[in-house]
Amino acid sequence: MATSENKASIRDDGSPRYLDEKQLAQRLGLSVKFLRRRRDLRQAPQYAKFGNRVRYPIESVEAFEAAALELGCGVRLATTRP
């Protein structure tokens, strides 16, 4: 049985609402250290802190990815090749 905390972290379509540092670093092909530096500089992607835990809302991650692809903001994203 899922707890209310687990339900709150999952969207209606079953995907997560938030990614942690490691998940986002893996998704973008970047290091956790790079993400921490970006946070210190107050640069995208947006994040939320829950106590001492940093979480990235999936909507902010998707917006960051779209902006990086459209504007060529200098962040190389990991791409999967068929």
PDB file of N, CA and C in Angstrom:
ATOM      1  N   MET A   1       0.838  -1.171   0.000  1.00  0.00           N
ATOM      2  CA  MET A   1       0.000   0.000   0.000  1.00  0.00           C
ATOM      3  C   MET A   1       0.888   1.241   0.000  1.00  0.00           C
ATOM      4  N   ALA A   2       0.602   2.198  -0.879  1.00  0.00           N
ATOM      5  CA  ALA A   2       1.398   3.421  -0.981  1.00  0.00           C
ATOM      6  C   ALA A   2       1.019   4.389   0.127  1.00  0.00           C
ATOM      7  N   THR A   3       2.011   5.040   0.668  1.00  0.00           N
ATOM      8  CA  THR A   3       1.746   6.032   1.699  1.00  0.00           C
ATOM      9  C   THR A   3       1.348   7.341   1.036  1.00  0.00           C
ATOM     10  N   SER A   4       0.793   8.267   1.830  1.00  0.00           N
ATOM     11  CA  SER A   4       0.400   9.550   1.267  1.00  0.00           C
ATOM     12  C   SER A   4       1.623  10.312   0.776  1.00  0.00           C
ATOM     13  N   GLU A   5       2.782  10.128   1.434  1.00  0.00           N
ATOM     14  CA  GLU A   5       4.011  10.783   0.982  1.00  0.00           C
ATOM     15  C   GLU A   5       4.407  10.279  -0.395  1.00  0.00           C
ATOM     16  N   ASN A   6       4.307   8.970  -0.620  1.00  0.00           N
ATOM     17  CA  ASN A   6       4.636   8.412  -1.925  1.00  0.00           C
ATOM     18  C   ASN A   6       3.656   8.888  -2.983  1.00  0.00           C
ATOM     19  N   LYS A   7       2.374   8.964  -2.654  1.00  0.00           N
ATOM     20  CA  LYS A   7       1.373   9.435  -3.605  1.00  0.00           C
ATOM     21  C   LYS A   7       1.639  10.880  -3.988  1.00  0.00           C
ATOM     22  N   ALA A   8       2.076  11.689  -3.038  1.00  0.00           N
ATOM     23  CA  ALA A   8       2.334  13.102  -3.304  1.00  0.00           C
ATOM     24  C   ALA A   8       3.525  13.292  -4.239  1.00  0.00           C
ATOM     25  N   SER A   9       4.434  12.327  -4.294  1.00  0.00           N
ATOM     26  CA  SER A   9       5.619  12.478  -5.131  1.00  0.00           C
ATOM     27  C   SER A   9       5.444  11.871  -6.520  1.00  0.00           C
ATOM     28  N   ILE A  10       4.265  11.363  -6.823  1.00  0.00           N
ATOM     29  CA  ILE A  10       3.986  10.750  -8.120  1.00  0.00           C
ATOM     30  C   ILE A  10       2.855  11.506  -8.808  1.00  0.00           C
ATOM     31  N   ARG A  11       3.037  11.819 -10.085  1.00  0.00           N
ATOM     32  CA  ARG A  11       1.995  12.496 -10.850  1.00  0.00           C
ATOM     33  C   ARG A  11       0.921  11.485 -11.241  1.00  0.00           C
ATOM     34  N   ASP A  12      -0.192  11.994 -11.740  1.00  0.00           N
ATOM     35  CA  ASP A  12      -1.311  11.138 -12.124  1.00  0.00           C
ATOM     36  C   ASP A  12      -0.924  10.113 -13.188  1.00  0.00           C
ATOM     37  N   ASP A  13       0.034  10.470 -14.043  1.00  0.00           N
ATOM     38  CA  ASP A  13       0.443   9.539 -15.103  1.00  0.00           C
ATOM     39  C   ASP A  13       1.482   8.516 -14.627  1.00  0.00           C
ATOM     40  N   GLY A  14       1.825   8.569 -13.330  1.00  0.00           N
ATOM     41  CA  GLY A  14       2.756   7.603 -12.765  1.00  0.00           C
ATOM     42  C   GLY A  14       4.205   8.051 -12.758  1.00  0.00           C
ATOM     43  N   SER A  15       4.492   9.179 -13.384  1.00  0.00           N
ATOM     44  CA  SER A  15       5.871   9.678 -13.398  1.00  0.00           C
ATOM     45  C   SER A  15       6.141  10.503 -12.139  1.00  0.00           C
ATOM     46  N   PRO A  16       7.398  10.644 -11.780  1.00  0.00           N
ATOM     47  CA  PRO A  16       7.713  11.377 -10.544  1.00  0.00           C
ATOM     48  C   PRO A  16       7.468  12.875 -10.684  1.00  0.00           C
ATOM     49  N   ARG A  17       7.069  13.515  -9.580  1.00  0.00           N
ATOM     50  CA  ARG A  17       6.907  14.970  -9.565  1.00  0.00           C
ATOM     51  C   ARG A  17       8.254  15.661  -9.423  1.00  0.00           C
ATOM     52  N   TYR A  18       9.186  15.018  -8.756  1.00  0.00           N
ATOM     53  CA  TYR A  18      10.487  15.605  -8.465  1.00  0.00           C
ATOM     54  C   TYR A  18      11.599  14.617  -8.786  1.00  0.00           C
ATOM     55  N   LEU A  19      12.765  15.158  -9.150  1.00  0.00           N
ATOM     56  CA  LEU A  19      13.976  14.366  -9.294  1.00  0.00           C
ATOM     57  C   LEU A  19      14.969  14.835  -8.244  1.00  0.00           C
ATOM     58  N   ASP A  20      15.744  13.915  -7.700  1.00  0.00           N
ATOM     59  CA  ASP A  20      16.802  14.334  -6.782  1.00  0.00           C
ATOM     60  C   ASP A  20      18.048  14.672  -7.603  1.00  0.00           C
ATOM     61  N   GLU A  21      19.107  15.111  -6.933  1.00  0.00           N
ATOM     62  CA  GLU A  21      20.328  15.530  -7.623  1.00  0.00           C
ATOM     63  C   GLU A  21      20.908  14.430  -8.507  1.00  0.00           C
ATOM     64  N   LYS A  22      20.984  13.248  -7.980  1.00  0.00           N
ATOM     65  CA  LYS A  22      21.587  12.148  -8.729  1.00  0.00           C
ATOM     66  C   LYS A  22      20.755  11.805  -9.961  1.00  0.00           C
ATOM     67  N   GLN A  23      19.430  11.770  -9.787  1.00  0.00           N
ATOM     68  CA  GLN A  23      18.558  11.460 -10.915  1.00  0.00           C
ATOM     69  C   GLN A  23      18.679  12.509 -12.010  1.00  0.00           C
ATOM     70  N   LEU A  24      18.702  13.786 -11.618  1.00  0.00           N
ATOM     71  CA  LEU A  24      18.806  14.849 -12.614  1.00  0.00           C
ATOM     72  C   LEU A  24      20.173  14.836 -13.287  1.00  0.00           C
ATOM     73  N   ALA A  25      21.220  14.642 -12.519  1.00  0.00           N
ATOM     74  CA  ALA A  25      22.560  14.581 -13.100  1.00  0.00           C
ATOM     75  C   ALA A  25      22.643  13.467 -14.140  1.00  0.00           C
ATOM     76  N   GLN A  26      22.090  12.324 -13.819  1.00  0.00           N
ATOM     77  CA  GLN A  26      22.098  11.198 -14.753  1.00  0.00           C
ATOM     78  C   GLN A  26      21.265  11.522 -15.994  1.00  0.00           C
ATOM     79  N   ARG A  27      20.110  12.115 -15.796  1.00  0.00           N
ATOM     80  CA  ARG A  27      19.223  12.452 -16.914  1.00  0.00           C
ATOM     81  C   ARG A  27      19.893  13.427 -17.876  1.00  0.00           C
ATOM     82  N   LEU A  28      20.610  14.422 -17.334  1.00  0.00           N
ATOM     83  CA  LEU A  28      21.232  15.444 -18.170  1.00  0.00           C
ATOM     84  C   LEU A  28      22.649  15.098 -18.608  1.00  0.00           C
ATOM     85  N   GLY A  29      23.218  14.039 -18.032  1.00  0.00           N
ATOM     86  CA  GLY A  29      24.592  13.682 -18.361  1.00  0.00           C
ATOM     87  C   GLY A  29      25.587  14.655 -17.760  1.00  0.00           C
ATOM     88  N   LEU A  30      25.252  15.206 -16.607  1.00  0.00           N
ATOM     89  CA  LEU A  30      26.092  16.171 -15.904  1.00  0.00           C
ATOM     90  C   LEU A  30      26.469  15.601 -14.542  1.00  0.00           C
ATOM     91  N   SER A  31      27.400  16.246 -13.881  1.00  0.00           N
ATOM     92  CA  SER A  31      27.766  15.799 -12.543  1.00  0.00           C
ATOM     93  C   SER A  31      26.892  16.479 -11.496  1.00  0.00           C
ATOM     94  N   VAL A  32      26.782  15.847 -10.346  1.00  0.00           N
ATOM     95  CA  VAL A  32      26.064  16.437  -9.217  1.00  0.00           C
ATOM     96  C   VAL A  32      26.760  17.738  -8.814  1.00  0.00           C
ATOM     97  N   LYS A  33      28.072  17.747  -8.874  1.00  0.00           N
ATOM     98  CA  LYS A  33      28.840  18.943  -8.522  1.00  0.00           C
ATOM     99  C   LYS A  33      28.468  20.112  -9.436  1.00  0.00           C
ATOM    100  N   PHE A  34      28.289  19.850 -10.717  1.00  0.00           N
ATOM    101  CA  PHE A  34      27.886  20.895 -11.662  1.00  0.00           C
ATOM    102  C   PHE A  34      26.515  21.454 -11.282  1.00  0.00           C
ATOM    103  N   LEU A  35      25.576  20.574 -10.946  1.00  0.00           N
ATOM    104  CA  LEU A  35      24.238  21.029 -10.544  1.00  0.00           C
ATOM    105  C   LEU A  35      24.320  21.881  -9.284  1.00  0.00           C
ATOM    106  N   ARG A  36      25.167  21.494  -8.348  1.00  0.00           N
ATOM    107  CA  ARG A  36      25.318  22.277  -7.115  1.00  0.00           C
ATOM    108  C   ARG A  36      25.889  23.657  -7.410  1.00  0.00           C
ATOM    109  N   ARG A  37      26.856  23.720  -8.316  1.00  0.00           N
ATOM    110  CA  ARG A  37      27.407  25.025  -8.699  1.00  0.00           C
ATOM    111  C   ARG A  37      26.328  25.893  -9.342  1.00  0.00           C
ATOM    112  N   ARG A  38      25.522  25.309 -10.188  1.00  0.00           N
ATOM    113  CA  ARG A  38      24.433  26.060 -10.846  1.00  0.00           C
ATOM    114  C   ARG A  38      23.444  26.575  -9.806  1.00  0.00           C
ATOM    115  N   ARG A  39      23.164  25.767  -8.791  1.00  0.00           N
ATOM    116  CA  ARG A  39      22.270  26.234  -7.713  1.00  0.00           C
ATOM    117  C   ARG A  39      22.893  27.406  -6.979  1.00  0.00           C
ATOM    118  N   ASP A  40      24.165  27.301  -6.650  1.00  0.00           N
ATOM    119  CA  ASP A  40      24.863  28.387  -5.946  1.00  0.00           C
ATOM    120  C   ASP A  40      24.838  29.679  -6.746  1.00  0.00           C
ATOM    121  N   LEU A  41      24.891  29.564  -8.073  1.00  0.00           N
ATOM    122  CA  LEU A  41      24.851  30.730  -8.960  1.00  0.00           C
ATOM    123  C   LEU A  41      23.421  31.179  -9.268  1.00  0.00           C
ATOM    124  N   ARG A  42      22.450  30.454  -8.717  1.00  0.00           N
ATOM    125  CA  ARG A  42      21.022  30.729  -8.925  1.00  0.00           C
ATOM    126  C   ARG A  42      20.646  30.664 -10.417  1.00  0.00           C
ATOM    127  N   GLN A  43      21.147  29.633 -11.067  1.00  0.00           N
ATOM    128  CA  GLN A  43      20.843  29.397 -12.469  1.00  0.00           C
ATOM    129  C   GLN A  43      19.921  28.190 -12.578  1.00  0.00           C
ATOM    130  N   ALA A  44      19.242  28.084 -13.701  1.00  0.00           N
ATOM    131  CA  ALA A  44      18.282  27.013 -13.919  1.00  0.00           C
ATOM    132  C   ALA A  44      18.971  25.658 -13.850  1.00  0.00           C
ATOM    133  N   PRO A  45      18.300  24.572 -13.614  1.00  0.00           N
ATOM    134  CA  PRO A  45      16.859  24.484 -13.421  1.00  0.00           C
ATOM    135  C   PRO A  45      16.431  24.875 -12.004  1.00  0.00           C
ATOM    136  N   GLN A  46      15.191  25.278 -11.900  1.00  0.00           N
ATOM    137  CA  GLN A  46      14.647  25.644 -10.598  1.00  0.00           C
ATOM    138  C   GLN A  46      14.585  24.417  -9.703  1.00  0.00           C
ATOM    139  N   TYR A  47      14.644  24.653  -8.402  1.00  0.00           N
ATOM    140  CA  TYR A  47      14.632  23.545  -7.451  1.00  0.00           C
ATOM    141  C   TYR A  47      13.854  23.940  -6.213  1.00  0.00           C
ATOM    142  N   ALA A  48      13.562  22.949  -5.404  1.00  0.00           N
ATOM    143  CA  ALA A  48      12.895  23.164  -4.122  1.00  0.00           C
ATOM    144  C   ALA A  48      13.688  22.427  -3.061  1.00  0.00           C
ATOM    145  N   LYS A  49      13.681  22.969  -1.861  1.00  0.00           N
ATOM    146  CA  LYS A  49      14.346  22.296  -0.740  1.00  0.00           C
ATOM    147  C   LYS A  49      13.282  21.848   0.253  1.00  0.00           C
ATOM    148  N   PHE A  50      13.384  20.615   0.643  1.00  0.00           N
ATOM    149  CA  PHE A  50      12.522  20.026   1.662  1.00  0.00           C
ATOM    150  C   PHE A  50      13.456  19.604   2.790  1.00  0.00           C
ATOM    151  N   GLY A  51      13.563  20.455   3.803  1.00  0.00           N
ATOM    152  CA  GLY A  51      14.563  20.210   4.835  1.00  0.00           C
ATOM    153  C   GLY A  51      15.926  20.383   4.208  1.00  0.00           C
ATOM    154  N   ASN A  52      16.768  19.366   4.289  1.00  0.00           N
ATOM    155  CA  ASN A  52      18.080  19.445   3.645  1.00  0.00           C
ATOM    156  C   ASN A  52      18.105  18.732   2.295  1.00  0.00           C
ATOM    157  N   ARG A  53      16.961  18.302   1.829  1.00  0.00           N
ATOM    158  CA  ARG A  53      16.874  17.590   0.544  1.00  0.00           C
ATOM    159  C   ARG A  53      16.557  18.558  -0.588  1.00  0.00           C
ATOM    160  N   VAL A  54      17.303  18.452  -1.659  1.00  0.00           N
ATOM    161  CA  VAL A  54      17.066  19.264  -2.847  1.00  0.00           C
ATOM    162  C   VAL A  54      16.308  18.412  -3.846  1.00  0.00           C
ATOM    163  N   ARG A  55      15.239  18.973  -4.376  1.00  0.00           N
ATOM    164  CA  ARG A  55      14.440  18.275  -5.379  1.00  0.00           C
ATOM    165  C   ARG A  55      14.153  19.222  -6.530  1.00  0.00           C
ATOM    166  N   TYR A  56      14.161  18.675  -7.729  1.00  0.00           N
ATOM    167  CA  TYR A  56      13.893  19.435  -8.937  1.00  0.00           C
ATOM    168  C   TYR A  56      12.513  19.039  -9.471  1.00  0.00           C
ATOM    169  N   PRO A  57      11.560  19.985  -9.521  1.00  0.00           N
ATOM    170  CA  PRO A  57      10.246  19.658 -10.084  1.00  0.00           C
ATOM    171  C   PRO A  57      10.410  19.250 -11.546  1.00  0.00           C
ATOM    172  N   ILE A  58       9.757  18.194 -11.932  1.00  0.00           N
ATOM    173  CA  ILE A  58       9.918  17.664 -13.288  1.00  0.00           C
ATOM    174  C   ILE A  58       9.524  18.702 -14.333  1.00  0.00           C
ATOM    175  N   GLU A  59       8.537  19.552 -14.026  1.00  0.00           N
ATOM    176  CA  GLU A  59       8.127  20.594 -14.975  1.00  0.00           C
ATOM    177  C   GLU A  59       9.279  21.573 -15.216  1.00  0.00           C
ATOM    178  N   SER A  60      10.030  21.908 -14.168  1.00  0.00           N
ATOM    179  CA  SER A  60      11.178  22.806 -14.317  1.00  0.00           C
ATOM    180  C   SER A  60      12.297  22.140 -15.104  1.00  0.00           C
ATOM    181  N   VAL A  61      12.483  20.861 -14.882  1.00  0.00           N
ATOM    182  CA  VAL A  61      13.508  20.115 -15.616  1.00  0.00           C
ATOM    183  C   VAL A  61      13.166  20.096 -17.101  1.00  0.00           C
ATOM    184  N   GLU A  62      11.913  19.811 -17.416  1.00  0.00           N
ATOM    185  CA  GLU A  62      11.497  19.756 -18.815  1.00  0.00           C
ATOM    186  C   GLU A  62      11.620  21.125 -19.474  1.00  0.00           C
ATOM    187  N   ALA A  63      11.282  22.200 -18.743  1.00  0.00           N
ATOM    188  CA  ALA A  63      11.423  23.556 -19.285  1.00  0.00           C
ATOM    189  C   ALA A  63      12.895  23.892 -19.514  1.00  0.00           C
ATOM    190  N   PHE A  64      13.760  23.486 -18.583  1.00  0.00           N
ATOM    191  CA  PHE A  64      15.194  23.713 -18.717  1.00  0.00           C
ATOM    192  C   PHE A  64      15.739  22.983 -19.940  1.00  0.00           C
ATOM    193  N   GLU A  65      15.322  21.744 -20.127  1.00  0.00           N
ATOM    194  CA  GLU A  65      15.771  20.972 -21.285  1.00  0.00           C
ATOM    195  C   GLU A  65      15.326  21.638 -22.583  1.00  0.00           C
ATOM    196  N   ALA A  66      14.077  22.077 -22.633  1.00  0.00           N
ATOM    197  CA  ALA A  66      13.550  22.726 -23.836  1.00  0.00           C
ATOM    198  C   ALA A  66      14.313  24.015 -24.129  1.00  0.00           C
ATOM    199  N   ALA A  67      14.582  24.812 -23.104  1.00  0.00           N
ATOM    200  CA  ALA A  67      15.313  26.062 -23.295  1.00  0.00           C
ATOM    201  C   ALA A  67      16.736  25.785 -23.757  1.00  0.00           C
ATOM    202  N   ALA A  68      17.373  24.775 -23.205  1.00  0.00           N
ATOM    203  CA  ALA A  68      18.743  24.435 -23.590  1.00  0.00           C
ATOM    204  C   ALA A  68      18.793  24.007 -25.057  1.00  0.00           C
ATOM    205  N   LEU A  69      17.787  23.279 -25.485  1.00  0.00           N
ATOM    206  CA  LEU A  69      17.756  22.825 -26.876  1.00  0.00           C
ATOM    207  C   LEU A  69      17.433  23.976 -27.820  1.00  0.00           C
ATOM    208  N   GLU A  70      16.510  24.853 -27.432  1.00  0.00           N
ATOM    209  CA  GLU A  70      16.082  25.948 -28.297  1.00  0.00           C
ATOM    210  C   GLU A  70      17.120  27.063 -28.365  1.00  0.00           C
ATOM    211  N   LEU A  71      17.727  27.405 -27.222  1.00  0.00           N
ATOM    212  CA  LEU A  71      18.595  28.566 -27.154  1.00  0.00           C
ATOM    213  C   LEU A  71      20.070  28.231 -27.211  1.00  0.00           C
ATOM    214  N   GLY A  72      20.400  26.951 -27.090  1.00  0.00           N
ATOM    215  CA  GLY A  72      21.797  26.578 -27.079  1.00  0.00           C
ATOM    216  C   GLY A  72      22.537  27.286 -25.947  1.00  0.00           C
ATOM    217  N   CYS A  73      22.051  27.115 -24.714  1.00  0.00           N
ATOM    218  CA  CYS A  73      22.551  27.890 -23.575  1.00  0.00           C
ATOM    219  C   CYS A  73      23.922  27.416 -23.077  1.00  0.00           C
ATOM    220  N   GLY A  74      24.570  26.523 -23.765  1.00  0.00           N
ATOM    221  CA  GLY A  74      25.909  26.127 -23.363  1.00  0.00           C
ATOM    222  C   GLY A  74      25.953  24.907 -22.465  1.00  0.00           C
ATOM    223  N   VAL A  75      24.824  24.327 -22.146  1.00  0.00           N
ATOM    224  CA  VAL A  75      24.797  23.108 -21.337  1.00  0.00           C
ATOM    225  C   VAL A  75      24.586  21.955 -22.301  1.00  0.00           C
ATOM    226  N   ARG A  76      25.504  21.035 -22.282  1.00  0.00           N
ATOM    227  CA  ARG A  76      25.366  19.858 -23.134  1.00  0.00           C
ATOM    228  C   ARG A  76      24.495  18.840 -22.438  1.00  0.00           C
ATOM    229  N   LEU A  77      23.456  18.420 -23.115  1.00  0.00           N
ATOM    230  CA  LEU A  77      22.558  17.429 -22.551  1.00  0.00           C
ATOM    231  C   LEU A  77      22.944  16.053 -23.098  1.00  0.00           C
ATOM    232  N   ALA A  78      22.821  15.054 -22.259  1.00  0.00           N
ATOM    233  CA  ALA A  78      23.067  13.684 -22.700  1.00  0.00           C
ATOM    234  C   ALA A  78      21.960  13.299 -23.684  1.00  0.00           C
ATOM    235  N   THR A  79      22.326  12.676 -24.745  1.00  0.00           N
ATOM    236  CA  THR A  79      21.330  12.232 -25.706  1.00  0.00           C
ATOM    237  C   THR A  79      21.468  10.725 -25.876  1.00  0.00           C
ATOM    238  N   THR A  80      20.348  10.104 -26.103  1.00  0.00           N
ATOM    239  CA  THR A  80      20.384   8.665 -26.349  1.00  0.00           C
ATOM    240  C   THR A  80      20.383   8.463 -27.846  1.00  0.00           C
ATOM    241  N   ARG A  81      21.155   7.512 -28.271  1.00  0.00           N
ATOM    242  CA  ARG A  81      21.227   7.223 -29.706  1.00  0.00           C
ATOM    243  C   ARG A  81      20.626   5.854 -29.966  1.00  0.00           C
ATOM    244  N   PRO A  82      19.845   5.767 -31.028  1.00  0.00           N
ATOM    245  CA  PRO A  82      19.208   4.479 -31.342  1.00  0.00           C
ATOM    246  C   PRO A  82      20.185   3.407 -31.703  1.00  0.00           C
TER     247      PRO A  82
END
